[in-house]
Amino acid sequence: MENYRYELYHLVVDNKKKLGKRIKELRKQKGLTQEQVAEFIEMEQNTISVIESGRNFPTLVTLEKMATVLGVDLSDFFNYEYFEDIDYIKQSTKIKLEQMNEAQMRNIYKYINNVIN
């Protein structure tokens, strides 16, 4: 049970950081400062900083306001799969490959060859 709590805690912390990083990325793409976003959604700049640094989750209401200001859908905030650590991606891929049958493995091999060539 203790191991489960430890893993859950780290999953939550990791997701807070990814969400914050994604919000910051979208804000910068829009060319806005933290101060400007804070003003538009009637919050303190420090609150935006805390969210972007991954120290707190924003509320749904805050996310909706940010989405409006940034001109994105709520789902865009959670498109942060590419933030995964490369070592994690390699390990995860290795595990998935080991679970595949021969036909799946051949298809993946063809796909990889097409991407690389």
PDB file of N, CA and C in Angstrom:
ATOM      1  N   MET A   1       0.824  -1.194   0.000  1.00  0.00           N
ATOM      2  CA  MET A   1       0.000   0.000   0.000  1.00  0.00           C
ATOM      3  C   MET A   1       0.871   1.262   0.000  1.00  0.00           C
ATOM      4  N   GLU A   2       1.947   1.232   0.746  1.00  0.00           N
ATOM      5  CA  GLU A   2       2.844   2.382   0.828  1.00  0.00           C
ATOM      6  C   GLU A   2       3.472   2.671  -0.540  1.00  0.00           C
ATOM      7  N   ASN A   3       3.840   1.626  -1.277  1.00  0.00           N
ATOM      8  CA  ASN A   3       4.417   1.794  -2.605  1.00  0.00           C
ATOM      9  C   ASN A   3       3.404   2.435  -3.554  1.00  0.00           C
ATOM     10  N   TYR A   4       2.141   2.036  -3.433  1.00  0.00           N
ATOM     11  CA  TYR A   4       1.079   2.612  -4.253  1.00  0.00           C
ATOM     12  C   TYR A   4       0.956   4.106  -3.989  1.00  0.00           C
ATOM     13  N   ARG A   5       0.961   4.497  -2.729  1.00  0.00           N
ATOM     14  CA  ARG A   5       0.867   5.914  -2.377  1.00  0.00           C
ATOM     15  C   ARG A   5       2.046   6.704  -2.931  1.00  0.00           C
ATOM     16  N   TYR A   6       3.219   6.120  -2.835  1.00  0.00           N
ATOM     17  CA  TYR A   6       4.430   6.762  -3.341  1.00  0.00           C
ATOM     18  C   TYR A   6       4.320   6.991  -4.845  1.00  0.00           C
ATOM     19  N   GLU A   7       3.891   5.950  -5.582  1.00  0.00           N
ATOM     20  CA  GLU A   7       3.752   6.069  -7.028  1.00  0.00           C
ATOM     21  C   GLU A   7       2.666   7.073  -7.400  1.00  0.00           C
ATOM     22  N   LEU A   8       1.556   7.048  -6.683  1.00  0.00           N
ATOM     23  CA  LEU A   8       0.465   7.986  -6.948  1.00  0.00           C
ATOM     24  C   LEU A   8       0.915   9.420  -6.700  1.00  0.00           C
ATOM     25  N   TYR A   9       1.627   9.631  -5.618  1.00  0.00           N
ATOM     26  CA  TYR A   9       2.137  10.967  -5.299  1.00  0.00           C
ATOM     27  C   TYR A   9       3.016  11.482  -6.435  1.00  0.00           C
ATOM     28  N   HIS A  10       3.933  10.641  -6.907  1.00  0.00           N
ATOM     29  CA  HIS A  10       4.842  11.074  -7.971  1.00  0.00           C
ATOM     30  C   HIS A  10       4.117  11.267  -9.303  1.00  0.00           C
ATOM     31  N   LEU A  11       3.084  10.501  -9.545  1.00  0.00           N
ATOM     32  CA  LEU A  11       2.277  10.685 -10.744  1.00  0.00           C
ATOM     33  C   LEU A  11       1.588  12.052 -10.715  1.00  0.00           C
ATOM     34  N   VAL A  12       1.034  12.409  -9.574  1.00  0.00           N
ATOM     35  CA  VAL A  12       0.357  13.701  -9.423  1.00  0.00           C
ATOM     36  C   VAL A  12       1.354  14.840  -9.595  1.00  0.00           C
ATOM     37  N   VAL A  13       2.496  14.734  -8.931  1.00  0.00           N
ATOM     38  CA  VAL A  13       3.526  15.778  -9.042  1.00  0.00           C
ATOM     39  C   VAL A  13       3.989  15.914 -10.491  1.00  0.00           C
ATOM     40  N   ASP A  14       4.205  14.795 -11.151  1.00  0.00           N
ATOM     41  CA  ASP A  14       4.652  14.800 -12.538  1.00  0.00           C
ATOM     42  C   ASP A  14       3.608  15.462 -13.440  1.00  0.00           C
ATOM     43  N   ASN A  15       2.343  15.147 -13.220  1.00  0.00           N
ATOM     44  CA  ASN A  15       1.281  15.738 -14.039  1.00  0.00           C
ATOM     45  C   ASN A  15       1.128  17.235 -13.785  1.00  0.00           C
ATOM     46  N   LYS A  16       1.324  17.655 -12.557  1.00  0.00           N
ATOM     47  CA  LYS A  16       1.275  19.098 -12.270  1.00  0.00           C
ATOM     48  C   LYS A  16       2.374  19.817 -13.046  1.00  0.00           C
ATOM     49  N   LYS A  17       3.552  19.241 -13.064  1.00  0.00           N
ATOM     50  CA  LYS A  17       4.667  19.859 -13.776  1.00  0.00           C
ATOM     51  C   LYS A  17       4.421  19.892 -15.279  1.00  0.00           C
ATOM     52  N   LYS A  18       3.900  18.802 -15.823  1.00  0.00           N
ATOM     53  CA  LYS A  18       3.630  18.752 -17.262  1.00  0.00           C
ATOM     54  C   LYS A  18       2.542  19.754 -17.645  1.00  0.00           C
ATOM     55  N   LEU A  19       1.490  19.828 -16.846  1.00  0.00           N
ATOM     56  CA  LEU A  19       0.417  20.764 -17.132  1.00  0.00           C
ATOM     57  C   LEU A  19       0.941  22.201 -17.066  1.00  0.00           C
ATOM     58  N   GLY A  20       1.714  22.502 -16.041  1.00  0.00           N
ATOM     59  CA  GLY A  20       2.282  23.844 -15.915  1.00  0.00           C
ATOM     60  C   GLY A  20       3.175  24.195 -17.086  1.00  0.00           C
ATOM     61  N   LYS A  21       3.990  23.246 -17.498  1.00  0.00           N
ATOM     62  CA  LYS A  21       4.890  23.465 -18.625  1.00  0.00           C
ATOM     63  C   LYS A  21       4.097  23.709 -19.908  1.00  0.00           C
ATOM     64  N   ARG A  22       2.998  22.966 -20.073  1.00  0.00           N
ATOM     65  CA  ARG A  22       2.165  23.108 -21.261  1.00  0.00           C
ATOM     66  C   ARG A  22       1.458  24.472 -21.278  1.00  0.00           C
ATOM     67  N   ILE A  23       0.957  24.886 -20.126  1.00  0.00           N
ATOM     68  CA  ILE A  23       0.309  26.196 -20.029  1.00  0.00           C
ATOM     69  C   ILE A  23       1.306  27.302 -20.389  1.00  0.00           C
ATOM     70  N   LYS A  24       2.505  27.201 -19.853  1.00  0.00           N
ATOM     71  CA  LYS A  24       3.545  28.186 -20.146  1.00  0.00           C
ATOM     72  C   LYS A  24       3.865  28.210 -21.640  1.00  0.00           C
ATOM     73  N   GLU A  25       3.970  27.033 -22.235  1.00  0.00           N
ATOM     74  CA  GLU A  25       4.264  26.929 -23.659  1.00  0.00           C
ATOM     75  C   GLU A  25       3.166  27.608 -24.491  1.00  0.00           C
ATOM     76  N   LEU A  26       1.904  27.329 -24.162  1.00  0.00           N
ATOM     77  CA  LEU A  26       0.791  27.926 -24.906  1.00  0.00           C
ATOM     78  C   LEU A  26       0.734  29.445 -24.702  1.00  0.00           C
ATOM     79  N   ARG A  27       1.020  29.888 -23.480  1.00  0.00           N
ATOM     80  CA  ARG A  27       1.037  31.328 -23.198  1.00  0.00           C
ATOM     81  C   ARG A  27       2.101  32.030 -24.035  1.00  0.00           C
ATOM     82  N   LYS A  28       3.295  31.431 -24.090  1.00  0.00           N
ATOM     83  CA  LYS A  28       4.387  32.038 -24.855  1.00  0.00           C
ATOM     84  C   LYS A  28       4.088  32.022 -26.354  1.00  0.00           C
ATOM     85  N   GLN A  29       3.446  30.964 -26.832  1.00  0.00           N
ATOM     86  CA  GLN A  29       3.066  30.905 -28.244  1.00  0.00           C
ATOM     87  C   GLN A  29       2.121  32.049 -28.597  1.00  0.00           C
ATOM     88  N   LYS A  30       1.292  32.418 -27.656  1.00  0.00           N
ATOM     89  CA  LYS A  30       0.340  33.514 -27.857  1.00  0.00           C
ATOM     90  C   LYS A  30       1.017  34.877 -27.677  1.00  0.00           C
ATOM     91  N   GLY A  31       2.254  34.875 -27.164  1.00  0.00           N
ATOM     92  CA  GLY A  31       2.998  36.114 -26.979  1.00  0.00           C
ATOM     93  C   GLY A  31       2.556  36.917 -25.772  1.00  0.00           C
ATOM     94  N   LEU A  32       2.051  36.222 -24.756  1.00  0.00           N
ATOM     95  CA  LEU A  32       1.566  36.904 -23.551  1.00  0.00           C
ATOM     96  C   LEU A  32       2.507  36.671 -22.376  1.00  0.00           C
ATOM     97  N   THR A  33       2.552  37.630 -21.483  1.00  0.00           N
ATOM     98  CA  THR A  33       3.309  37.478 -20.242  1.00  0.00           C
ATOM     99  C   THR A  33       2.389  36.885 -19.178  1.00  0.00           C
ATOM    100  N   GLN A  34       2.986  36.445 -18.091  1.00  0.00           N
ATOM    101  CA  GLN A  34       2.189  35.965 -16.958  1.00  0.00           C
ATOM    102  C   GLN A  34       1.296  37.087 -16.433  1.00  0.00           C
ATOM    103  N   GLU A  35       1.831  38.290 -16.408  1.00  0.00           N
ATOM    104  CA  GLU A  35       1.073  39.437 -15.922  1.00  0.00           C
ATOM    105  C   GLU A  35      -0.169  39.691 -16.769  1.00  0.00           C
ATOM    106  N   GLN A  36      -0.014  39.579 -18.075  1.00  0.00           N
ATOM    107  CA  GLN A  36      -1.149  39.809 -18.970  1.00  0.00           C
ATOM    108  C   GLN A  36      -2.233  38.747 -18.780  1.00  0.00           C
ATOM    109  N   VAL A  37      -1.817  37.495 -18.705  1.00  0.00           N
ATOM    110  CA  VAL A  37      -2.788  36.412 -18.486  1.00  0.00           C
ATOM    111  C   VAL A  37      -3.489  36.624 -17.154  1.00  0.00           C
ATOM    112  N   ALA A  38      -2.711  36.944 -16.130  1.00  0.00           N
ATOM    113  CA  ALA A  38      -3.293  37.166 -14.799  1.00  0.00           C
ATOM    114  C   ALA A  38      -4.330  38.284 -14.835  1.00  0.00           C
ATOM    115  N   GLU A  39      -4.017  39.345 -15.536  1.00  0.00           N
ATOM    116  CA  GLU A  39      -4.951  40.466 -15.630  1.00  0.00           C
ATOM    117  C   GLU A  39      -6.235  40.048 -16.352  1.00  0.00           C
ATOM    118  N   PHE A  40      -6.083  39.327 -17.472  1.00  0.00           N
ATOM    119  CA  PHE A  40      -7.248  38.904 -18.241  1.00  0.00           C
ATOM    120  C   PHE A  40      -8.174  37.982 -17.450  1.00  0.00           C
ATOM    121  N   ILE A  41      -7.586  37.116 -16.615  1.00  0.00           N
ATOM    122  CA  ILE A  41      -8.431  36.161 -15.875  1.00  0.00           C
ATOM    123  C   ILE A  41      -8.643  36.585 -14.418  1.00  0.00           C
ATOM    124  N   GLU A  42      -8.223  37.809 -14.107  1.00  0.00           N
ATOM    125  CA  GLU A  42      -8.425  38.395 -12.783  1.00  0.00           C
ATOM    126  C   GLU A  42      -7.825  37.539 -11.663  1.00  0.00           C
ATOM    127  N   MET A  43      -6.532  37.302 -11.788  1.00  0.00           N
ATOM    128  CA  MET A  43      -5.747  36.575 -10.791  1.00  0.00           C
ATOM    129  C   MET A  43      -4.449  37.315 -10.560  1.00  0.00           C
ATOM    130  N   GLU A  44      -3.753  36.913  -9.533  1.00  0.00           N
ATOM    131  CA  GLU A  44      -2.423  37.460  -9.268  1.00  0.00           C
ATOM    132  C   GLU A  44      -1.403  36.791 -10.188  1.00  0.00           C
ATOM    133  N   GLN A  45      -0.398  37.540 -10.596  1.00  0.00           N
ATOM    134  CA  GLN A  45       0.666  36.994 -11.431  1.00  0.00           C
ATOM    135  C   GLN A  45       1.359  35.845 -10.732  1.00  0.00           C
ATOM    136  N   ASN A  46       1.509  35.933  -9.418  1.00  0.00           N
ATOM    137  CA  ASN A  46       2.160  34.875  -8.651  1.00  0.00           C
ATOM    138  C   ASN A  46       1.402  33.553  -8.771  1.00  0.00           C
ATOM    139  N   THR A  47       0.082  33.623  -8.860  1.00  0.00           N
ATOM    140  CA  THR A  47      -0.716  32.402  -9.014  1.00  0.00           C
ATOM    141  C   THR A  47      -0.414  31.729 -10.345  1.00  0.00           C
ATOM    142  N   ILE A  48      -0.271  32.522 -11.395  1.00  0.00           N
ATOM    143  CA  ILE A  48       0.085  31.977 -12.712  1.00  0.00           C
ATOM    144  C   ILE A  48       1.467  31.329 -12.640  1.00  0.00           C
ATOM    145  N   SER A  49       2.385  31.985 -11.971  1.00  0.00           N
ATOM    146  CA  SER A  49       3.735  31.452 -11.810  1.00  0.00           C
ATOM    147  C   SER A  49       3.722  30.111 -11.078  1.00  0.00           C
ATOM    148  N   VAL A  50       2.934  30.028 -10.021  1.00  0.00           N
ATOM    149  CA  VAL A  50       2.838  28.787  -9.235  1.00  0.00           C
ATOM    150  C   VAL A  50       2.266  27.656 -10.099  1.00  0.00           C
ATOM    151  N   ILE A  51       1.262  27.976 -10.906  1.00  0.00           N
ATOM    152  CA  ILE A  51       0.663  26.972 -11.788  1.00  0.00           C
ATOM    153  C   ILE A  51       1.674  26.522 -12.843  1.00  0.00           C
ATOM    154  N   GLU A  52       2.331  27.487 -13.492  1.00  0.00           N
ATOM    155  CA  GLU A  52       3.285  27.158 -14.552  1.00  0.00           C
ATOM    156  C   GLU A  52       4.501  26.402 -14.035  1.00  0.00           C
ATOM    157  N   SER A  53       4.847  26.600 -12.803  1.00  0.00           N
ATOM    158  CA  SER A  53       5.998  25.886 -12.237  1.00  0.00           C
ATOM    159  C   SER A  53       5.622  24.485 -11.768  1.00  0.00           C
ATOM    160  N   GLY A  54       4.340  24.158 -11.823  1.00  0.00           N
ATOM    161  CA  GLY A  54       3.903  22.819 -11.451  1.00  0.00           C
ATOM    162  C   GLY A  54       3.735  22.613  -9.970  1.00  0.00           C
ATOM    163  N   ARG A  55       3.624  23.705  -9.224  1.00  0.00           N
ATOM    164  CA  ARG A  55       3.458  23.561  -7.772  1.00  0.00           C
ATOM    165  C   ARG A  55       2.000  23.399  -7.368  1.00  0.00           C
ATOM    166  N   ASN A  56       1.070  23.859  -8.210  1.00  0.00           N
ATOM    167  CA  ASN A  56      -0.363  23.714  -7.938  1.00  0.00           C
ATOM    168  C   ASN A  56      -1.105  23.420  -9.224  1.00  0.00           C
ATOM    169  N   PHE A  57      -2.198  22.654  -9.098  1.00  0.00           N
ATOM    170  CA  PHE A  57      -3.120  22.480 -10.215  1.00  0.00           C
ATOM    171  C   PHE A  57      -4.049  23.681 -10.266  1.00  0.00           C
ATOM    172  N   PRO A  58      -4.349  24.165 -11.456  1.00  0.00           N
ATOM    173  CA  PRO A  58      -5.377  25.207 -11.557  1.00  0.00           C
ATOM    174  C   PRO A  58      -6.762  24.567 -11.415  1.00  0.00           C
ATOM    175  N   THR A  59      -7.733  25.355 -11.013  1.00  0.00           N
ATOM    176  CA  THR A  59      -9.105  24.852 -10.957  1.00  0.00           C
ATOM    177  C   THR A  59      -9.645  24.756 -12.381  1.00  0.00           C
ATOM    178  N   LEU A  60     -10.741  24.078 -12.537  1.00  0.00           N
ATOM    179  CA  LEU A  60     -11.371  23.979 -13.848  1.00  0.00           C
ATOM    180  C   LEU A  60     -11.791  25.355 -14.342  1.00  0.00           C
ATOM    181  N   VAL A  61     -12.304  26.179 -13.460  1.00  0.00           N
ATOM    182  CA  VAL A  61     -12.709  27.540 -13.831  1.00  0.00           C
ATOM    183  C   VAL A  61     -11.504  28.326 -14.342  1.00  0.00           C
ATOM    184  N   THR A  62     -10.379  28.195 -13.660  1.00  0.00           N
ATOM    185  CA  THR A  62      -9.157  28.881 -14.094  1.00  0.00           C
ATOM    186  C   THR A  62      -8.700  28.363 -15.449  1.00  0.00           C
ATOM    187  N   LEU A  63      -8.741  27.048 -15.639  1.00  0.00           N
ATOM    188  CA  LEU A  63      -8.351  26.477 -16.930  1.00  0.00           C
ATOM    189  C   LEU A  63      -9.260  26.977 -18.050  1.00  0.00           C
ATOM    190  N   GLU A  64     -10.550  27.068 -17.777  1.00  0.00           N
ATOM    191  CA  GLU A  64     -11.484  27.561 -18.788  1.00  0.00           C
ATOM    192  C   GLU A  64     -11.173  29.014 -19.156  1.00  0.00           C
ATOM    193  N   LYS A  65     -10.874  29.825 -18.154  1.00  0.00           N
ATOM    194  CA  LYS A  65     -10.519  31.227 -18.423  1.00  0.00           C
ATOM    195  C   LYS A  65      -9.221  31.311 -19.221  1.00  0.00           C
ATOM    196  N   MET A  66      -8.238  30.497 -18.841  1.00  0.00           N
ATOM    197  CA  MET A  66      -6.964  30.498 -19.560  1.00  0.00           C
ATOM    198  C   MET A  66      -7.161  30.042 -21.005  1.00  0.00           C
ATOM    199  N   ALA A  67      -7.981  29.041 -21.200  1.00  0.00           N
ATOM    200  CA  ALA A  67      -8.244  28.546 -22.555  1.00  0.00           C
ATOM    201  C   ALA A  67      -8.838  29.656 -23.415  1.00  0.00           C
ATOM    202  N   THR A  68      -9.752  30.413 -22.844  1.00  0.00           N
ATOM    203  CA  THR A  68     -10.365  31.513 -23.581  1.00  0.00           C
ATOM    204  C   THR A  68      -9.325  32.569 -23.942  1.00  0.00           C
ATOM    205  N   VAL A  69      -8.505  32.962 -22.979  1.00  0.00           N
ATOM    206  CA  VAL A  69      -7.476  33.986 -23.207  1.00  0.00           C
ATOM    207  C   VAL A  69      -6.452  33.516 -24.237  1.00  0.00           C
ATOM    208  N   LEU A  70      -6.077  32.245 -24.155  1.00  0.00           N
ATOM    209  CA  LEU A  70      -5.042  31.715 -25.041  1.00  0.00           C
ATOM    210  C   LEU A  70      -5.599  31.236 -26.377  1.00  0.00           C
ATOM    211  N   GLY A  71      -6.917  31.189 -26.496  1.00  0.00           N
ATOM    212  CA  GLY A  71      -7.535  30.768 -27.755  1.00  0.00           C
ATOM    213  C   GLY A  71      -7.347  29.297 -28.061  1.00  0.00           C
ATOM    214  N   VAL A  72      -7.405  28.471 -27.012  1.00  0.00           N
ATOM    215  CA  VAL A  72      -7.226  27.031 -27.183  1.00  0.00           C
ATOM    216  C   VAL A  72      -8.414  26.288 -26.565  1.00  0.00           C
ATOM    217  N   ASP A  73      -8.526  25.005 -26.891  1.00  0.00           N
ATOM    218  CA  ASP A  73      -9.512  24.142 -26.244  1.00  0.00           C
ATOM    219  C   ASP A  73      -8.921  23.636 -24.934  1.00  0.00           C
ATOM    220  N   LEU A  74      -9.791  23.276 -24.006  1.00  0.00           N
ATOM    221  CA  LEU A  74      -9.308  22.713 -22.736  1.00  0.00           C
ATOM    222  C   LEU A  74      -8.396  21.510 -22.974  1.00  0.00           C
ATOM    223  N   SER A  75      -8.741  20.692 -23.941  1.00  0.00           N
ATOM    224  CA  SER A  75      -7.946  19.490 -24.202  1.00  0.00           C
ATOM    225  C   SER A  75      -6.510  19.812 -24.605  1.00  0.00           C
ATOM    226  N   ASP A  76      -6.288  20.997 -25.170  1.00  0.00           N
ATOM    227  CA  ASP A  76      -4.929  21.387 -25.574  1.00  0.00           C
ATOM    228  C   ASP A  76      -3.981  21.482 -24.381  1.00  0.00           C
ATOM    229  N   PHE A  77      -4.515  21.764 -23.224  1.00  0.00           N
ATOM    230  CA  PHE A  77      -3.668  21.845 -22.031  1.00  0.00           C
ATOM    231  C   PHE A  77      -3.073  20.484 -21.662  1.00  0.00           C
ATOM    232  N   PHE A  78      -3.738  19.426 -22.072  1.00  0.00           N
ATOM    233  CA  PHE A  78      -3.312  18.092 -21.664  1.00  0.00           C
ATOM    234  C   PHE A  78      -2.586  17.340 -22.768  1.00  0.00           C
ATOM    235  N   ASN A  79      -2.208  18.031 -23.800  1.00  0.00           N
ATOM    236  CA  ASN A  79      -1.433  17.440 -24.882  1.00  0.00           C
ATOM    237  C   ASN A  79       0.049  17.619 -24.571  1.00  0.00           C
ATOM    238  N   TYR A  80       0.514  16.862 -23.575  1.00  0.00           N
ATOM    239  CA  TYR A  80       1.911  16.994 -23.178  1.00  0.00           C
ATOM    240  C   TYR A  80       2.635  15.667 -23.141  1.00  0.00           C
ATOM    241  N   GLU A  81       2.169  14.750 -23.963  1.00  0.00           N
ATOM    242  CA  GLU A  81       2.804  13.439 -24.010  1.00  0.00           C
ATOM    243  C   GLU A  81       4.250  13.523 -24.485  1.00  0.00           C
ATOM    244  N   TYR A  82       4.544  14.496 -25.341  1.00  0.00           N
ATOM    245  CA  TYR A  82       5.898  14.604 -25.867  1.00  0.00           C
ATOM    246  C   TYR A  82       6.905  15.103 -24.835  1.00  0.00           C
ATOM    247  N   PHE A  83       6.428  15.471 -23.647  1.00  0.00           N
ATOM    248  CA  PHE A  83       7.332  15.892 -22.586  1.00  0.00           C
ATOM    249  C   PHE A  83       8.005  14.712 -21.883  1.00  0.00           C
ATOM    250  N   GLU A  84       7.548  13.497 -22.196  1.00  0.00           N
ATOM    251  CA  GLU A  84       8.099  12.326 -21.516  1.00  0.00           C
ATOM    252  C   GLU A  84       9.623  12.282 -21.657  1.00  0.00           C
ATOM    253  N   ASP A  85      10.251  11.877 -20.611  1.00  0.00           N
ATOM    254  CA  ASP A  85      11.697  11.707 -20.590  1.00  0.00           C
ATOM    255  C   ASP A  85      12.097  10.636 -21.607  1.00  0.00           C
ATOM    256  N   ILE A  86      13.150  10.854 -22.352  1.00  0.00           N
ATOM    257  CA  ILE A  86      13.564   9.928 -23.410  1.00  0.00           C
ATOM    258  C   ILE A  86      13.896   8.551 -22.852  1.00  0.00           C
ATOM    259  N   ASP A  87      14.461   8.472 -21.656  1.00  0.00           N
ATOM    260  CA  ASP A  87      14.751   7.170 -21.063  1.00  0.00           C
ATOM    261  C   ASP A  87      13.457   6.413 -20.764  1.00  0.00           C
ATOM    262  N   TYR A  88      12.441   7.154 -20.312  1.00  0.00           N
ATOM    263  CA  TYR A  88      11.140   6.535 -20.070  1.00  0.00           C
ATOM    264  C   TYR A  88      10.546   6.023 -21.383  1.00  0.00           C
ATOM    265  N   ILE A  89      10.660   6.804 -22.439  1.00  0.00           N
ATOM    266  CA  ILE A  89      10.126   6.403 -23.738  1.00  0.00           C
ATOM    267  C   ILE A  89      10.823   5.134 -24.223  1.00  0.00           C
ATOM    268  N   LYS A  90      12.135   5.087 -24.091  1.00  0.00           N
ATOM    269  CA  LYS A  90      12.886   3.900 -24.519  1.00  0.00           C
ATOM    270  C   LYS A  90      12.472   2.672 -23.727  1.00  0.00           C
ATOM    271  N   GLN A  91      12.372   2.798 -22.408  1.00  0.00           N
ATOM    272  CA  GLN A  91      11.999   1.672 -21.565  1.00  0.00           C
ATOM    273  C   GLN A  91      10.576   1.211 -21.855  1.00  0.00           C
ATOM    274  N   SER A  92       9.674   2.151 -21.998  1.00  0.00           N
ATOM    275  CA  SER A  92       8.284   1.831 -22.289  1.00  0.00           C
ATOM    276  C   SER A  92       8.154   1.142 -23.644  1.00  0.00           C
ATOM    277  N   THR A  93       8.891   1.634 -24.630  1.00  0.00           N
ATOM    278  CA  THR A  93       8.871   1.030 -25.961  1.00  0.00           C
ATOM    279  C   THR A  93       9.409  -0.387 -25.921  1.00  0.00           C
ATOM    280  N   LYS A  94      10.477  -0.582 -25.186  1.00  0.00           N
ATOM    281  CA  LYS A  94      11.066  -1.920 -25.066  1.00  0.00           C
ATOM    282  C   LYS A  94      10.056  -2.903 -24.473  1.00  0.00           C
ATOM    283  N   ILE A  95       9.362  -2.493 -23.447  1.00  0.00           N
ATOM    284  CA  ILE A  95       8.365  -3.352 -22.809  1.00  0.00           C
ATOM    285  C   ILE A  95       7.240  -3.687 -23.783  1.00  0.00           C
ATOM    286  N   LYS A  96       6.781  -2.673 -24.513  1.00  0.00           N
ATOM    287  CA  LYS A  96       5.693  -2.908 -25.477  1.00  0.00           C
ATOM    288  C   LYS A  96       6.146  -3.849 -26.590  1.00  0.00           C
ATOM    289  N   LEU A  97       7.369  -3.693 -27.053  1.00  0.00           N
ATOM    290  CA  LEU A  97       7.885  -4.577 -28.096  1.00  0.00           C
ATOM    291  C   LEU A  97       7.944  -6.024 -27.609  1.00  0.00           C
ATOM    292  N   GLU A  98       8.324  -6.206 -26.383  1.00  0.00           N
ATOM    293  CA  GLU A  98       8.418  -7.555 -25.826  1.00  0.00           C
ATOM    294  C   GLU A  98       7.046  -8.224 -25.708  1.00  0.00           C
ATOM    295  N   GLN A  99       5.993  -7.434 -25.659  1.00  0.00           N
ATOM    296  CA  GLN A  99       4.640  -7.963 -25.520  1.00  0.00           C
ATOM    297  C   GLN A  99       3.975  -8.262 -26.863  1.00  0.00           C
ATOM    298  N   MET A 100       4.592  -7.867 -27.961  1.00  0.00           N
ATOM    299  CA  MET A 100       3.992  -8.034 -29.284  1.00  0.00           C
ATOM    300  C   MET A 100       4.167  -9.436 -29.826  1.00  0.00           C
ATOM    301  N   ASN A 101       3.197  -9.825 -30.673  1.00  0.00           N
ATOM    302  CA  ASN A 101       3.348 -11.091 -31.385  1.00  0.00           C
ATOM    303  C   ASN A 101       4.168 -10.826 -32.657  1.00  0.00           C
ATOM    304  N   GLU A 102       4.445 -11.869 -33.406  1.00  0.00           N
ATOM    305  CA  GLU A 102       5.326 -11.752 -34.569  1.00  0.00           C
ATOM    306  C   GLU A 102       4.747 -10.808 -35.630  1.00  0.00           C
ATOM    307  N   ALA A 103       3.463 -10.898 -35.908  1.00  0.00           N
ATOM    308  CA  ALA A 103       2.844 -10.044 -36.928  1.00  0.00           C
ATOM    309  C   ALA A 103       2.932  -8.572 -36.525  1.00  0.00           C
ATOM    310  N   GLN A 104       2.661  -8.278 -35.266  1.00  0.00           N
ATOM    311  CA  GLN A 104       2.751  -6.890 -34.784  1.00  0.00           C
ATOM    312  C   GLN A 104       4.187  -6.388 -34.885  1.00  0.00           C
ATOM    313  N   MET A 105       5.119  -7.244 -34.535  1.00  0.00           N
ATOM    314  CA  MET A 105       6.535  -6.874 -34.581  1.00  0.00           C
ATOM    315  C   MET A 105       6.957  -6.545 -36.011  1.00  0.00           C
ATOM    316  N   ARG A 106       6.504  -7.334 -36.975  1.00  0.00           N
ATOM    317  CA  ARG A 106       6.847  -7.079 -38.378  1.00  0.00           C
ATOM    318  C   ARG A 106       6.254  -5.748 -38.856  1.00  0.00           C
ATOM    319  N   ASN A 107       5.038  -5.465 -38.445  1.00  0.00           N
ATOM    320  CA  ASN A 107       4.409  -4.195 -38.827  1.00  0.00           C
ATOM    321  C   ASN A 107       5.152  -3.003 -38.241  1.00  0.00           C
ATOM    322  N   ILE A 108       5.545  -3.103 -36.990  1.00  0.00           N
ATOM    323  CA  ILE A 108       6.312  -2.029 -36.344  1.00  0.00           C
ATOM    324  C   ILE A 108       7.649  -1.837 -37.051  1.00  0.00           C
ATOM    325  N   TYR A 109       8.287  -2.944 -37.407  1.00  0.00           N
ATOM    326  CA  TYR A 109       9.569  -2.876 -38.112  1.00  0.00           C
ATOM    327  C   TYR A 109       9.416  -2.139 -39.439  1.00  0.00           C
ATOM    328  N   LYS A 110       8.349  -2.455 -40.197  1.00  0.00           N
ATOM    329  CA  LYS A 110       8.090  -1.766 -41.474  1.00  0.00           C
ATOM    330  C   LYS A 110       7.866  -0.271 -41.237  1.00  0.00           C
ATOM    331  N   TYR A 111       7.089   0.041 -40.226  1.00  0.00           N
ATOM    332  CA  TYR A 111       6.793   1.443 -39.916  1.00  0.00           C
ATOM    333  C   TYR A 111       8.073   2.206 -39.575  1.00  0.00           C
ATOM    334  N   ILE A 112       8.880   1.628 -38.708  1.00  0.00           N
ATOM    335  CA  ILE A 112      10.130   2.289 -38.313  1.00  0.00           C
ATOM    336  C   ILE A 112      11.035   2.501 -39.520  1.00  0.00           C
ATOM    337  N   ASN A 113      11.140   1.496 -40.370  1.00  0.00           N
ATOM    338  CA  ASN A 113      11.970   1.639 -41.573  1.00  0.00           C
ATOM    339  C   ASN A 113      11.460   2.758 -42.479  1.00  0.00           C
ATOM    340  N   ASN A 114      10.137   2.895 -42.599  1.00  0.00           N
ATOM    341  CA  ASN A 114       9.574   3.968 -43.423  1.00  0.00           C
ATOM    342  C   ASN A 114       9.835   5.337 -42.825  1.00  0.00           C
ATOM    343  N   VAL A 115       9.789   5.445 -41.511  1.00  0.00           N
ATOM    344  CA  VAL A 115      10.026   6.719 -40.839  1.00  0.00           C
ATOM    345  C   VAL A 115      11.485   7.133 -40.964  1.00  0.00           C
ATOM    346  N   ILE A 116      12.370   6.194 -40.803  1.00  0.00           N
ATOM    347  CA  ILE A 116      13.813   6.488 -40.815  1.00  0.00           C
ATOM    348  C   ILE A 116      14.330   6.735 -42.227  1.00  0.00           C
ATOM    349  N   ASN A 117      13.816   6.010 -43.181  1.00  0.00           N
ATOM    350  CA  ASN A 117      14.324   6.136 -44.565  1.00  0.00           C
ATOM    351  C   ASN A 117      13.670   7.220 -45.315  1.00  0.00           C
TER     352      ASN A 117
END
